[in-house]
Amino acid sequence: MRIALFEPEIAGNVGTVLRLGACFGVAVDLIEPMGFEWDDRRVRRAAMDYIDHVTIVRHADFEAFRETAGMRRLVLFTTKAAQSIYDFRFQADDILLFGKESAGVPPSVAEICGARLQIPIRAEVRSLNLATAASLALGEALRQTGGLPEG
């Protein structure tokens, strides 16, 4: 399983997702352009020394990312989806895709994803923070597939 971030805009979110990947042994794909410089100190501040324990792959754009994804299923997390993550069957080799904080992914990206899922939240609020959503989604996907690390 992998986490992919499409054109992330907030360095702290990326750092937090890198730490998440390190803790659960999940690689993180960063699809550029990003909304900050890679050497932004906020990435390392959020990731701390965990950044040394995660596989990070940077891709010049979405097409470059797709070339490396092969036949793996892209599972998009979006507020525009109708299906809940809790009514979905994850596979151990899924790529969990999250869009940029301000706009998600363009329709052309959403259309090629094998599934589009939402994390159910109260109707009065708009969305979860990117790193929080990635944590919930990864936790559910690993729980279903038996991929949780032994502590």
Protein backbone atom coordinates (compact mmCIF):
# COMPACT_ATOMS: atom_id res chain seq x y z
CA MET A 1 0.00 0.00 0.00
CA ARG A 2 1.11 3.56 -0.70
CA ILE A 3 -0.09 7.09 -0.02
CA ALA A 4 0.04 9.60 -2.88
CA LEU A 5 -0.37 13.36 -2.43
CA PHE A 6 -1.44 15.28 -5.54
CA GLU A 7 0.19 18.72 -5.65
CA PRO A 8 0.21 19.25 -1.88
CA GLU A 9 0.27 22.89 -0.78
CA ILE A 10 1.08 22.82 2.93
CA ALA A 11 4.52 21.72 4.08
CA GLY A 12 3.32 20.73 7.55
CA ASN A 13 0.72 18.37 6.11
CA VAL A 14 3.34 16.67 3.96
CA GLY A 15 5.64 16.30 6.96
CA THR A 16 2.85 14.77 9.02
CA VAL A 17 1.97 12.32 6.23
CA LEU A 18 5.65 11.36 5.92
CA ARG A 19 5.69 10.60 9.64
CA LEU A 20 2.51 8.55 9.19
CA GLY A 21 4.18 6.58 6.39
CA ALA A 22 7.25 5.96 8.55
CA CYS A 23 5.17 4.69 11.47
CA PHE A 24 3.17 2.24 9.34
CA GLY A 25 5.82 1.24 6.78
CA VAL A 26 3.95 2.85 3.88
CA ALA A 27 5.75 4.70 1.08
CA VAL A 28 4.63 8.20 0.16
CA ASP A 29 4.43 9.54 -3.41
CA LEU A 30 4.57 13.33 -3.84
CA ILE A 31 3.11 14.51 -7.14
CA GLU A 32 4.48 17.92 -8.09
CA PRO A 33 4.26 20.81 -8.34
CA MET A 34 4.06 21.39 -4.60
CA GLY A 35 3.00 24.67 -3.04
CA PHE A 36 6.28 25.05 -1.14
CA GLU A 37 9.98 24.38 -1.58
CA TRP A 38 10.99 20.79 -0.77
CA ASP A 39 13.62 21.97 1.71
CA ASP A 40 11.01 23.99 3.64
CA ARG A 41 11.88 23.55 7.33
CA ARG A 42 8.18 22.93 8.11
CA VAL A 43 8.35 19.55 6.33
CA ARG A 44 11.16 18.35 8.59
CA ARG A 45 9.60 19.95 11.69
CA ALA A 46 6.39 17.94 11.20
CA ALA A 47 8.14 14.75 10.07
CA MET A 48 10.92 15.09 12.67
CA ASP A 49 13.52 12.33 12.44
CA TYR A 50 10.86 9.96 11.08
CA ILE A 51 11.61 11.33 7.60
CA ASP A 52 14.64 9.04 7.57
CA HIS A 53 12.37 5.99 7.96
CA VAL A 54 9.96 6.46 5.07
CA THR A 55 10.33 5.85 1.36
CA ILE A 56 9.56 9.08 -0.48
CA VAL A 57 9.13 9.21 -4.24
CA ARG A 58 8.76 12.58 -5.93
CA HIS A 59 7.11 12.75 -9.35
CA ALA A 60 7.40 15.70 -11.76
CA ASP A 61 3.66 15.53 -12.53
CA PHE A 62 0.66 13.21 -12.51
CA GLU A 63 1.65 11.45 -15.74
CA ALA A 64 5.08 10.61 -14.32
CA PHE A 65 3.36 9.22 -11.23
CA ARG A 66 0.96 7.11 -13.33
CA GLU A 67 3.87 5.53 -15.18
CA THR A 68 5.14 4.14 -11.87
CA ALA A 69 1.75 3.05 -10.52
CA GLY A 70 1.39 0.19 -12.99
CA MET A 71 -1.80 -1.80 -12.56
CA ARG A 72 -2.29 -0.81 -8.93
CA ARG A 73 -5.70 0.60 -8.10
CA LEU A 74 -5.89 4.33 -7.42
CA VAL A 75 -8.30 5.03 -4.56
CA LEU A 76 -9.19 8.72 -4.43
CA PHE A 77 -10.38 10.34 -1.21
CA THR A 78 -12.67 13.26 -1.93
CA THR A 79 -15.54 15.15 -0.35
CA LYS A 80 -17.33 14.77 -3.71
CA ALA A 81 -17.63 10.97 -3.43
CA ALA A 82 -20.78 9.12 -2.44
CA GLN A 83 -19.19 5.91 -1.15
CA SER A 84 -17.91 5.73 2.43
CA ILE A 85 -14.49 4.28 3.20
CA TYR A 86 -16.29 1.99 5.66
CA ASP A 87 -18.37 0.41 2.86
CA PHE A 88 -15.38 -0.32 0.65
CA ARG A 89 -13.02 -3.29 0.35
CA PHE A 90 -9.41 -2.19 0.20
CA GLN A 91 -6.66 -4.28 -1.40
CA ALA A 92 -3.15 -4.58 0.00
CA ASP A 93 -1.57 -2.91 -3.05
CA ASP A 94 -3.95 0.06 -3.32
CA ILE A 95 -2.57 3.56 -3.75
CA LEU A 96 -4.46 5.97 -1.51
CA LEU A 97 -4.63 9.27 -3.40
CA PHE A 98 -5.32 12.64 -1.77
CA GLY A 99 -5.77 15.90 -3.65
CA LYS A 100 -4.36 19.33 -2.93
CA GLU A 101 -5.76 21.06 0.12
CA SER A 102 -7.47 23.93 -1.71
CA ALA A 103 -9.02 22.13 -4.67
CA GLY A 104 -8.65 18.36 -4.55
CA VAL A 105 -7.85 16.83 -7.94
CA PRO A 106 -9.06 17.89 -11.38
CA PRO A 107 -11.88 15.85 -12.99
CA SER A 108 -9.40 14.25 -15.42
CA VAL A 109 -7.56 12.69 -12.47
CA ALA A 110 -10.72 11.69 -10.59
CA GLU A 111 -12.07 9.91 -13.68
CA ILE A 112 -9.17 7.47 -13.94
CA CYS A 113 -9.29 6.40 -10.29
CA GLY A 114 -10.57 2.91 -9.59
CA ALA A 115 -12.62 4.17 -6.65
CA ARG A 116 -13.69 7.48 -5.16
CA LEU A 117 -14.34 7.48 -1.44
CA GLN A 118 -15.33 9.89 1.29
CA ILE A 119 -14.75 9.87 5.00
CA PRO A 120 -18.18 10.53 6.52
CA ILE A 121 -18.27 13.71 8.62
CA ARG A 122 -21.01 15.98 9.93
CA ALA A 123 -22.90 17.96 7.29
CA GLU A 124 -22.21 21.28 9.05
CA VAL A 125 -18.47 21.10 8.30
CA ARG A 126 -16.59 21.11 5.02
CA SER A 127 -13.69 18.68 5.31
CA LEU A 128 -10.93 17.14 7.40
CA ASN A 129 -7.32 18.27 7.37
CA LEU A 130 -5.33 16.38 4.71
CA ALA A 131 -3.04 14.63 7.19
CA THR A 132 -5.98 13.67 9.41
CA ALA A 133 -7.87 12.24 6.42
CA ALA A 134 -4.79 10.28 5.33
CA SER A 135 -4.46 8.85 8.85
CA LEU A 136 -8.07 7.70 9.01
CA ALA A 137 -8.00 6.25 5.49
CA LEU A 138 -4.70 4.43 5.95
CA GLY A 139 -5.80 3.03 9.30
CA GLU A 140 -9.00 1.60 7.82
CA ALA A 141 -7.21 0.25 4.74
CA LEU A 142 -4.51 -1.47 6.80
CA ARG A 143 -7.09 -2.82 9.27
CA GLN A 144 -9.02 -4.42 6.43
CA THR A 145 -5.98 -5.86 4.67
CA GLY A 146 -4.16 -7.08 7.76
CA GLY A 147 -1.29 -4.72 7.06
CA LEU A 148 -1.05 -3.14 10.52
CA PRO A 149 2.44 -3.43 11.97
CA GLU A 150 2.89 -5.53 15.06
CA GLY A 151 3.75 -3.38 18.05
